[in-house]
Full PDB file with SEQRES, HELIX, SHEET, SSBOND, CRYST1, ORIGX, SCALE, CONECT and MASTER records, all heavy atoms in Angstrom:
SEQRES   1 A   33  GLU GLN VAL LEU ALA GLN THR ASN VAL ASN PRO THR PRO          
SEQRES   2 A   33  GLU VAL SER TYR CYS LEU GLN PHE VAL ARG ASP ARG GLN          
SEQRES   3 A   33  ALA LEU VAL HIS VAL LEU GLU                                  
HELIX    1 AA1 GLN A    2  ALA A    5  1                                   4    
HELIX    2 AA2 PRO A   13  ARG A   23  1                                  11    
HELIX    3 AA3 GLN A   26  LEU A   28  5                                   3    
CRYST1    1.000    1.000    1.000  90.00  90.00  90.00 P 1           1          
ORIGX1      1.000000  0.000000  0.000000        0.00000                         
ORIGX2      0.000000  1.000000  0.000000        0.00000                         
ORIGX3      0.000000  0.000000  1.000000        0.00000                         
SCALE1      1.000000  0.000000  0.000000        0.00000                         
SCALE2      0.000000  1.000000  0.000000        0.00000                         
SCALE3      0.000000  0.000000  1.000000        0.00000                         
ATOM      1  N   GLU A   1      -5.510   3.319   3.330  1.00  0.00           N  
ATOM      2  CA  GLU A   1      -4.946   3.266   4.682  1.00  0.00           C  
ATOM      3  C   GLU A   1      -5.986   2.800   5.696  1.00  0.00           C  
ATOM      4  O   GLU A   1      -5.661   2.052   6.630  1.00  0.00           O  
ATOM      5  CB  GLU A   1      -4.390   4.633   5.069  1.00  0.00           C  
ATOM      6  CG  GLU A   1      -3.122   5.020   4.307  1.00  0.00           C  
ATOM      7  CD  GLU A   1      -2.414   6.191   4.942  1.00  0.00           C  
ATOM      8  OE1 GLU A   1      -3.094   7.206   5.225  1.00  0.00           O  
ATOM      9  OE2 GLU A   1      -1.194   6.096   5.179  1.00  0.00           O  
ATOM     10  N   GLN A   2      -7.242   3.237   5.499  1.00  0.00           N  
ATOM     11  CA  GLN A   2      -8.310   2.806   6.403  1.00  0.00           C  
ATOM     12  C   GLN A   2      -8.541   1.305   6.294  1.00  0.00           C  
ATOM     13  O   GLN A   2      -8.653   0.605   7.315  1.00  0.00           O  
ATOM     14  CB  GLN A   2      -9.597   3.571   6.087  1.00  0.00           C  
ATOM     15  CG  GLN A   2      -9.546   5.041   6.430  1.00  0.00           C  
ATOM     16  CD  GLN A   2     -10.750   5.808   5.903  1.00  0.00           C  
ATOM     17  OE1 GLN A   2     -11.509   5.305   5.061  1.00  0.00           O  
ATOM     18  NE2 GLN A   2     -10.923   7.038   6.368  1.00  0.00           N  
ATOM     19  N   VAL A   3      -8.621   0.805   5.062  1.00  0.00           N  
ATOM     20  CA  VAL A   3      -8.839  -0.628   4.849  1.00  0.00           C  
ATOM     21  C   VAL A   3      -7.664  -1.432   5.385  1.00  0.00           C  
ATOM     22  O   VAL A   3      -7.842  -2.471   6.047  1.00  0.00           O  
ATOM     23  CB  VAL A   3      -9.068  -0.916   3.346  1.00  0.00           C  
ATOM     24  CG1 VAL A   3      -9.024  -2.421   3.070  1.00  0.00           C  
ATOM     25  CG2 VAL A   3     -10.396  -0.333   2.892  1.00  0.00           C  
ATOM     26  N   LEU A   4      -6.444  -0.956   5.113  1.00  0.00           N  
ATOM     27  CA  LEU A   4      -5.250  -1.663   5.564  1.00  0.00           C  
ATOM     28  C   LEU A   4      -5.215  -1.780   7.087  1.00  0.00           C  
ATOM     29  O   LEU A   4      -4.844  -2.835   7.644  1.00  0.00           O  
ATOM     30  CB  LEU A   4      -4.002  -0.939   5.061  1.00  0.00           C  
ATOM     31  CG  LEU A   4      -2.656  -1.630   5.287  1.00  0.00           C  
ATOM     32  CD1 LEU A   4      -2.609  -2.970   4.561  1.00  0.00           C  
ATOM     33  CD2 LEU A   4      -1.518  -0.729   4.817  1.00  0.00           C  
ATOM     34  N   ALA A   5      -5.634  -0.715   7.767  1.00  0.00           N  
ATOM     35  CA  ALA A   5      -5.624  -0.709   9.230  1.00  0.00           C  
ATOM     36  C   ALA A   5      -6.646  -1.678   9.820  1.00  0.00           C  
ATOM     37  O   ALA A   5      -6.485  -2.134  10.964  1.00  0.00           O  
ATOM     38  CB  ALA A   5      -5.893   0.708   9.743  1.00  0.00           C  
ATOM     39  N   GLN A   6      -7.679  -2.003   9.047  1.00  0.00           N  
ATOM     40  CA  GLN A   6      -8.758  -2.857   9.545  1.00  0.00           C  
ATOM     41  C   GLN A   6      -8.658  -4.291   9.040  1.00  0.00           C  
ATOM     42  O   GLN A   6      -9.534  -5.109   9.310  1.00  0.00           O  
ATOM     43  CB  GLN A   6     -10.111  -2.270   9.119  1.00  0.00           C  
ATOM     44  CG  GLN A   6     -10.374  -0.875   9.668  1.00  0.00           C  
ATOM     45  CD  GLN A   6     -11.549  -0.196   8.978  1.00  0.00           C  
ATOM     46  OE1 GLN A   6     -12.212  -0.780   8.124  1.00  0.00           O  
ATOM     47  NE2 GLN A   6     -11.817   1.045   9.365  1.00  0.00           N  
ATOM     48  N   THR A   7      -7.588  -4.610   8.318  1.00  0.00           N  
ATOM     49  CA  THR A   7      -7.492  -5.906   7.648  1.00  0.00           C  
ATOM     50  C   THR A   7      -6.340  -6.731   8.201  1.00  0.00           C  
ATOM     51  O   THR A   7      -5.239  -6.212   8.439  1.00  0.00           O  
ATOM     52  CB  THR A   7      -7.273  -5.708   6.129  1.00  0.00           C  
ATOM     53  OG1 THR A   7      -8.328  -4.914   5.605  1.00  0.00           O  
ATOM     54  CG2 THR A   7      -7.240  -7.050   5.404  1.00  0.00           C  
ATOM     55  N   ASN A   8      -6.611  -8.004   8.403  1.00  0.00           N  
ATOM     56  CA  ASN A   8      -5.542  -8.944   8.722  1.00  0.00           C  
ATOM     57  C   ASN A   8      -4.954  -9.449   7.401  1.00  0.00           C  
ATOM     58  O   ASN A   8      -5.520 -10.326   6.749  1.00  0.00           O  
ATOM     59  CB  ASN A   8      -6.090 -10.117   9.537  1.00  0.00           C  
ATOM     60  CG  ASN A   8      -6.534  -9.694  10.928  1.00  0.00           C  
ATOM     61  OD1 ASN A   8      -5.877  -8.868  11.575  1.00  0.00           O  
ATOM     62  ND2 ASN A   8      -7.633 -10.256  11.403  1.00  0.00           N  
ATOM     63  N   VAL A   9      -3.856  -8.853   7.011  1.00  0.00           N  
ATOM     64  CA  VAL A   9      -3.282  -9.114   5.695  1.00  0.00           C  
ATOM     65  C   VAL A   9      -2.544 -10.447   5.682  1.00  0.00           C  
ATOM     66  O   VAL A   9      -1.727 -10.720   6.572  1.00  0.00           O  
ATOM     67  CB  VAL A   9      -2.319  -7.977   5.283  1.00  0.00           C  
ATOM     68  CG1 VAL A   9      -1.685  -8.276   3.934  1.00  0.00           C  
ATOM     69  CG2 VAL A   9      -3.064  -6.652   5.249  1.00  0.00           C  
ATOM     70  N   ASN A  10      -2.825 -11.249   4.658  1.00  0.00           N  
ATOM     71  CA  ASN A  10      -2.079 -12.481   4.426  1.00  0.00           C  
ATOM     72  C   ASN A  10      -0.861 -12.131   3.573  1.00  0.00           C  
ATOM     73  O   ASN A  10      -0.998 -11.867   2.373  1.00  0.00           O  
ATOM     74  CB  ASN A  10      -2.955 -13.505   3.710  1.00  0.00           C  
ATOM     75  CG  ASN A  10      -2.220 -14.802   3.444  1.00  0.00           C  
ATOM     76  OD1 ASN A  10      -1.203 -15.084   4.068  1.00  0.00           O  
ATOM     77  ND2 ASN A  10      -2.728 -15.592   2.502  1.00  0.00           N  
ATOM     78  N   PRO A  11       0.335 -12.103   4.170  1.00  0.00           N  
ATOM     79  CA  PRO A  11       1.510 -11.575   3.454  1.00  0.00           C  
ATOM     80  C   PRO A  11       2.090 -12.552   2.444  1.00  0.00           C  
ATOM     81  O   PRO A  11       3.223 -13.020   2.566  1.00  0.00           O  
ATOM     82  CB  PRO A  11       2.488 -11.297   4.589  1.00  0.00           C  
ATOM     83  CG  PRO A  11       2.161 -12.339   5.618  1.00  0.00           C  
ATOM     84  CD  PRO A  11       0.671 -12.537   5.541  1.00  0.00           C  
ATOM     85  N   THR A  12       1.320 -12.833   1.384  1.00  0.00           N  
ATOM     86  CA  THR A  12       1.860 -13.621   0.284  1.00  0.00           C  
ATOM     87  C   THR A  12       2.917 -12.788  -0.431  1.00  0.00           C  
ATOM     88  O   THR A  12       2.956 -11.550  -0.281  1.00  0.00           O  
ATOM     89  CB  THR A  12       0.756 -14.005  -0.700  1.00  0.00           C  
ATOM     90  OG1 THR A  12       0.248 -12.800  -1.311  1.00  0.00           O  
ATOM     91  CG2 THR A  12      -0.388 -14.740  -0.001  1.00  0.00           C  
ATOM     92  N   PRO A  13       3.783 -13.386  -1.219  1.00  0.00           N  
ATOM     93  CA  PRO A  13       4.791 -12.604  -1.957  1.00  0.00           C  
ATOM     94  C   PRO A  13       4.164 -11.504  -2.817  1.00  0.00           C  
ATOM     95  O   PRO A  13       4.710 -10.390  -2.902  1.00  0.00           O  
ATOM     96  CB  PRO A  13       5.507 -13.657  -2.800  1.00  0.00           C  
ATOM     97  CG  PRO A  13       5.357 -14.920  -2.027  1.00  0.00           C  
ATOM     98  CD  PRO A  13       4.002 -14.844  -1.390  1.00  0.00           C  
ATOM     99  N   GLU A  14       3.030 -11.820  -3.447  1.00  0.00           N  
ATOM    100  CA  GLU A  14       2.376 -10.824  -4.312  1.00  0.00           C  
ATOM    101  C   GLU A  14       1.818  -9.664  -3.497  1.00  0.00           C  
ATOM    102  O   GLU A  14       1.970  -8.491  -3.873  1.00  0.00           O  
ATOM    103  CB  GLU A  14       1.259 -11.491  -5.119  1.00  0.00           C  
ATOM    104  CG  GLU A  14       1.729 -12.476  -6.171  1.00  0.00           C  
ATOM    105  CD  GLU A  14       2.051 -13.838  -5.585  1.00  0.00           C  
ATOM    106  OE1 GLU A  14       1.748 -14.066  -4.395  1.00  0.00           O  
ATOM    107  OE2 GLU A  14       2.598 -14.674  -6.321  1.00  0.00           O  
ATOM    108  N   VAL A  15       1.179  -9.977  -2.385  1.00  0.00           N  
ATOM    109  CA  VAL A  15       0.626  -8.916  -1.533  1.00  0.00           C  
ATOM    110  C   VAL A  15       1.748  -8.068  -0.956  1.00  0.00           C  
ATOM    111  O   VAL A  15       1.665  -6.832  -0.927  1.00  0.00           O  
ATOM    112  CB  VAL A  15      -0.242  -9.523  -0.411  1.00  0.00           C  
ATOM    113  CG1 VAL A  15      -0.588  -8.460   0.633  1.00  0.00           C  
ATOM    114  CG2 VAL A  15      -1.521 -10.124  -0.985  1.00  0.00           C  
ATOM    115  N   SER A  16       2.809  -8.701  -0.502  1.00  0.00           N  
ATOM    116  CA  SER A  16       3.935  -7.957   0.071  1.00  0.00           C  
ATOM    117  C   SER A  16       4.568  -7.035  -0.966  1.00  0.00           C  
ATOM    118  O   SER A  16       4.945  -5.892  -0.652  1.00  0.00           O  
ATOM    119  CB  SER A  16       4.982  -8.937   0.610  1.00  0.00           C  
ATOM    120  OG  SER A  16       4.448  -9.697   1.679  1.00  0.00           O  
ATOM    121  N   TYR A  17       4.691  -7.516  -2.203  1.00  0.00           N  
ATOM    122  CA  TYR A  17       5.220  -6.682  -3.285  1.00  0.00           C  
ATOM    123  C   TYR A  17       4.344  -5.437  -3.460  1.00  0.00           C  
ATOM    124  O   TYR A  17       4.859  -4.312  -3.576  1.00  0.00           O  
ATOM    125  CB  TYR A  17       5.262  -7.476  -4.584  1.00  0.00           C  
ATOM    126  CG  TYR A  17       5.480  -6.637  -5.826  1.00  0.00           C  
ATOM    127  CD1 TYR A  17       6.757  -6.259  -6.229  1.00  0.00           C  
ATOM    128  CD2 TYR A  17       4.388  -6.211  -6.600  1.00  0.00           C  
ATOM    129  CE1 TYR A  17       6.952  -5.480  -7.358  1.00  0.00           C  
ATOM    130  CE2 TYR A  17       4.577  -5.440  -7.730  1.00  0.00           C  
ATOM    131  CZ  TYR A  17       5.850  -5.083  -8.112  1.00  0.00           C  
ATOM    132  OH  TYR A  17       6.041  -4.308  -9.223  1.00  0.00           O  
ATOM    133  N   CYS A  18       3.030  -5.631  -3.478  1.00  0.00           N  
ATOM    134  CA  CYS A  18       2.104  -4.512  -3.683  1.00  0.00           C  
ATOM    135  C   CYS A  18       2.182  -3.513  -2.534  1.00  0.00           C  
ATOM    136  O   CYS A  18       2.202  -2.293  -2.754  1.00  0.00           O  
ATOM    137  CB  CYS A  18       0.673  -5.027  -3.830  1.00  0.00           C  
ATOM    138  SG  CYS A  18       0.338  -5.876  -5.379  1.00  0.00           S  
ATOM    139  N   LEU A  19       2.225  -4.001  -1.302  1.00  0.00           N  
ATOM    140  CA  LEU A  19       2.267  -3.113  -0.142  1.00  0.00           C  
ATOM    141  C   LEU A  19       3.534  -2.258  -0.163  1.00  0.00           C  
ATOM    142  O   LEU A  19       3.485  -1.050   0.116  1.00  0.00           O  
ATOM    143  CB  LEU A  19       2.196  -3.925   1.151  1.00  0.00           C  
ATOM    144  CG  LEU A  19       0.896  -4.692   1.398  1.00  0.00           C  
ATOM    145  CD1 LEU A  19       1.003  -5.528   2.667  1.00  0.00           C  
ATOM    146  CD2 LEU A  19      -0.295  -3.739   1.501  1.00  0.00           C  
ATOM    147  N   GLN A  20       4.659  -2.867  -0.514  1.00  0.00           N  
ATOM    148  CA  GLN A  20       5.910  -2.115  -0.578  1.00  0.00           C  
ATOM    149  C   GLN A  20       5.890  -1.130  -1.738  1.00  0.00           C  
ATOM    150  O   GLN A  20       6.370   0.006  -1.611  1.00  0.00           O  
ATOM    151  CB  GLN A  20       7.089  -3.078  -0.734  1.00  0.00           C  
ATOM    152  CG  GLN A  20       8.449  -2.380  -0.670  1.00  0.00           C  
ATOM    153  CD  GLN A  20       8.680  -1.699   0.670  1.00  0.00           C  
ATOM    154  OE1 GLN A  20       8.502  -2.306   1.721  1.00  0.00           O  
ATOM    155  NE2 GLN A  20       9.071  -0.423   0.646  1.00  0.00           N  
ATOM    156  N   PHE A  21       5.329  -1.553  -2.862  1.00  0.00           N  
ATOM    157  CA  PHE A  21       5.234  -0.687  -4.039  1.00  0.00           C  
ATOM    158  C   PHE A  21       4.463   0.582  -3.699  1.00  0.00           C  
ATOM    159  O   PHE A  21       4.866   1.692  -4.061  1.00  0.00           O  
ATOM    160  CB  PHE A  21       4.529  -1.442  -5.174  1.00  0.00           C  
ATOM    161  CG  PHE A  21       4.629  -0.761  -6.513  1.00  0.00           C  
ATOM    162  CD1 PHE A  21       5.657  -1.068  -7.384  1.00  0.00           C  
ATOM    163  CD2 PHE A  21       3.685   0.176  -6.908  1.00  0.00           C  
ATOM    164  CE1 PHE A  21       5.755  -0.449  -8.626  1.00  0.00           C  
ATOM    165  CE2 PHE A  21       3.772   0.801  -8.138  1.00  0.00           C  
ATOM    166  CZ  PHE A  21       4.816   0.490  -8.998  1.00  0.00           C  
ATOM    167  N   VAL A  22       3.367   0.435  -2.986  1.00  0.00           N  
ATOM    168  CA  VAL A  22       2.540   1.579  -2.605  1.00  0.00           C  
ATOM    169  C   VAL A  22       3.278   2.475  -1.619  1.00  0.00           C  
ATOM    170  O   VAL A  22       3.280   3.715  -1.752  1.00  0.00           O  
ATOM    171  CB  VAL A  22       1.203   1.093  -2.017  1.00  0.00           C  
ATOM    172  CG1 VAL A  22       0.442   2.251  -1.377  1.00  0.00           C  
ATOM    173  CG2 VAL A  22       0.357   0.436  -3.096  1.00  0.00           C  
ATOM    174  N   ARG A  23       3.935   1.878  -0.627  1.00  0.00           N  
ATOM    175  CA  ARG A  23       4.665   2.676   0.369  1.00  0.00           C  
ATOM    176  C   ARG A  23       5.729   3.544  -0.296  1.00  0.00           C  
ATOM    177  O   ARG A  23       5.932   4.702   0.082  1.00  0.00           O  
ATOM    178  CB  ARG A  23       5.318   1.763   1.405  1.00  0.00           C  
ATOM    179  CG  ARG A  23       4.390   1.293   2.505  1.00  0.00           C  
ATOM    180  CD  ARG A  23       5.175   0.690   3.658  1.00  0.00           C  
ATOM    181  NE  ARG A  23       5.890  -0.520   3.272  1.00  0.00           N  
ATOM    182  CZ  ARG A  23       5.371  -1.743   3.356  1.00  0.00           C  
ATOM    183  NH1 ARG A  23       4.140  -1.919   3.815  1.00  0.00           N  
ATOM    184  NH2 ARG A  23       6.085  -2.799   2.982  1.00  0.00           N  
ATOM    185  N   ASP A  24       6.389   2.988  -1.304  1.00  0.00           N  
ATOM    186  CA  ASP A  24       7.484   3.708  -1.954  1.00  0.00           C  
ATOM    187  C   ASP A  24       7.011   4.895  -2.793  1.00  0.00           C  
ATOM    188  O   ASP A  24       7.845   5.718  -3.213  1.00  0.00           O  
ATOM    189  CB  ASP A  24       8.264   2.752  -2.864  1.00  0.00           C  
ATOM    190  CG  ASP A  24       9.060   1.715  -2.086  1.00  0.00           C  
ATOM    191  OD1 ASP A  24       9.254   1.912  -0.873  1.00  0.00           O  
ATOM    192  OD2 ASP A  24       9.468   0.704  -2.692  1.00  0.00           O  
ATOM    193  N   ARG A  25       5.702   4.984  -3.049  1.00  0.00           N  
ATOM    194  CA  ARG A  25       5.203   6.029  -3.952  1.00  0.00           C  
ATOM    195  C   ARG A  25       4.173   6.951  -3.293  1.00  0.00           C  
ATOM    196  O   ARG A  25       3.384   7.589  -3.970  1.00  0.00           O  
ATOM    197  CB  ARG A  25       4.615   5.372  -5.214  1.00  0.00           C  
ATOM    198  CG  ARG A  25       5.705   4.843  -6.126  1.00  0.00           C  
ATOM    199  CD  ARG A  25       5.223   3.778  -7.066  1.00  0.00           C  
ATOM    200  NE  ARG A  25       6.328   3.278  -7.888  1.00  0.00           N  
ATOM    201  CZ  ARG A  25       7.231   2.388  -7.443  1.00  0.00           C  
ATOM    202  NH1 ARG A  25       7.129   1.899  -6.215  1.00  0.00           N  
ATOM    203  NH2 ARG A  25       8.212   1.987  -8.236  1.00  0.00           N  
ATOM    204  N   GLN A  26       4.233   7.064  -1.999  1.00  0.00           N  
ATOM    205  CA  GLN A  26       3.274   7.924  -1.298  1.00  0.00           C  
ATOM    206  C   GLN A  26       3.377   9.372  -1.771  1.00  0.00           C  
ATOM    207  O   GLN A  26       2.371  10.073  -1.881  1.00  0.00           O  
ATOM    208  CB  GLN A  26       3.504   7.848   0.209  1.00  0.00           C  
ATOM    209  CG  GLN A  26       2.500   8.661   1.016  1.00  0.00           C  
ATOM    210  CD  GLN A  26       2.661   8.455   2.510  1.00  0.00           C  
ATOM    211  OE1 GLN A  26       3.469   7.636   2.951  1.00  0.00           O  
ATOM    212  NE2 GLN A  26       1.893   9.183   3.297  1.00  0.00           N  
ATOM    213  N   ALA A  27       4.581   9.829  -2.082  1.00  0.00           N  
ATOM    214  CA  ALA A  27       4.769  11.225  -2.502  1.00  0.00           C  
ATOM    215  C   ALA A  27       4.108  11.511  -3.845  1.00  0.00           C  
ATOM    216  O   ALA A  27       3.809  12.675  -4.158  1.00  0.00           O  
ATOM    217  CB  ALA A  27       6.259  11.546  -2.576  1.00  0.00           C  
ATOM    218  N   LEU A  28       3.871  10.476  -4.652  1.00  0.00           N  
ATOM    219  CA  LEU A  28       3.255  10.662  -5.971  1.00  0.00           C  
ATOM    220  C   LEU A  28       1.783  11.021  -5.872  1.00  0.00           C  
ATOM    221  O   LEU A  28       1.237  11.672  -6.771  1.00  0.00           O  
ATOM    222  CB  LEU A  28       3.423   9.367  -6.777  1.00  0.00           C  
ATOM    223  CG  LEU A  28       2.732   9.243  -8.135  1.00  0.00           C  
ATOM    224  CD1 LEU A  28       3.272  10.283  -9.105  1.00  0.00           C  
ATOM    225  CD2 LEU A  28       2.923   7.837  -8.693  1.00  0.00           C  
ATOM    226  N   VAL A  29       1.145  10.634  -4.788  1.00  0.00           N  
ATOM    227  CA  VAL A  29      -0.310  10.679  -4.659  1.00  0.00           C  
ATOM    228  C   VAL A  29      -0.894  12.066  -4.895  1.00  0.00           C  
ATOM    229  O   VAL A  29      -1.951  12.213  -5.511  1.00  0.00           O  
ATOM    230  CB  VAL A  29      -0.720  10.146  -3.263  1.00  0.00           C  
ATOM    231  CG1 VAL A  29      -2.199  10.429  -2.979  1.00  0.00           C  
ATOM    232  CG2 VAL A  29      -0.427   8.659  -3.161  1.00  0.00           C  
ATOM    233  N   HIS A  30      -0.225  13.105  -4.445  1.00  0.00           N  
ATOM    234  CA  HIS A  30      -0.823  14.446  -4.407  1.00  0.00           C  
ATOM    235  C   HIS A  30      -0.455  15.340  -5.600  1.00  0.00           C  
ATOM    236  O   HIS A  30      -0.892  16.490  -5.658  1.00  0.00           O  
ATOM    237  CB  HIS A  30      -0.409  15.168  -3.115  1.00  0.00           C  
ATOM    238  CG  HIS A  30      -0.905  14.504  -1.870  1.00  0.00           C  
ATOM    239  ND1 HIS A  30      -2.134  14.793  -1.302  1.00  0.00           N  
ATOM    240  CD2 HIS A  30      -0.352  13.538  -1.095  1.00  0.00           C  
ATOM    241  CE1 HIS A  30      -2.312  14.050  -0.224  1.00  0.00           C  
ATOM    242  NE2 HIS A  30      -1.246  13.274  -0.071  1.00  0.00           N  
ATOM    243  N   VAL A  31       0.303  14.831  -6.555  1.00  0.00           N  
ATOM    244  CA  VAL A  31       0.890  15.708  -7.567  1.00  0.00           C  
ATOM    245  C   VAL A  31      -0.150  16.491  -8.368  1.00  0.00           C  
ATOM    246  O   VAL A  31      -0.024  17.715  -8.546  1.00  0.00           O  
ATOM    247  CB  VAL A  31       1.830  14.906  -8.495  1.00  0.00           C  
ATOM    248  CG1 VAL A  31       1.097  13.790  -9.218  1.00  0.00           C  
ATOM    249  CG2 VAL A  31       2.512  15.833  -9.497  1.00  0.00           C  
ATOM    250  N   LEU A  32      -1.198  15.857  -8.849  1.00  0.00           N  
ATOM    251  CA  LEU A  32      -2.195  16.572  -9.665  1.00  0.00           C  
ATOM    252  C   LEU A  32      -3.145  17.395  -8.825  1.00  0.00           C  
ATOM    253  O   LEU A  32      -3.523  18.519  -9.203  1.00  0.00           O  
ATOM    254  CB  LEU A  32      -2.971  15.584 -10.542  1.00  0.00           C  
ATOM    255  CG  LEU A  32      -2.193  14.896 -11.653  1.00  0.00           C  
ATOM    256  CD1 LEU A  32      -3.139  14.064 -12.522  1.00  0.00           C  
ATOM    257  CD2 LEU A  32      -1.442  15.892 -12.525  1.00  0.00           C  
ATOM    258  N   GLU A  33      -3.554  16.873  -7.683  1.00  0.00           N  
ATOM    259  CA  GLU A  33      -4.467  17.628  -6.833  1.00  0.00           C  
ATOM    260  C   GLU A  33      -3.795  18.866  -6.263  1.00  0.00           C  
ATOM    261  O   GLU A  33      -4.437  19.915  -6.105  1.00  0.00           O  
ATOM    262  CB  GLU A  33      -5.011  16.742  -5.712  1.00  0.00           C  
ATOM    263  CG  GLU A  33      -6.042  15.735  -6.177  1.00  0.00           C  
ATOM    264  CD  GLU A  33      -7.237  16.383  -6.875  1.00  0.00           C  
ATOM    265  OE1 GLU A  33      -7.861  17.271  -6.283  1.00  0.00           O  
ATOM    266  OE2 GLU A  33      -7.519  16.001  -8.027  1.00  0.00           O  
TER     267      GLU A  33                                                      
MASTER        0    0    0    3    0    0    0    6  266    1    0    3          
END                                                                             
């Protein structure tokens, strides 16, 4: 999130796919911790 906030993202189809993929799985992040 820190890097994303400081970066001018070039929204290629691949980058956009990755950004959406990550957004959709935020709830997964904390399961083991």
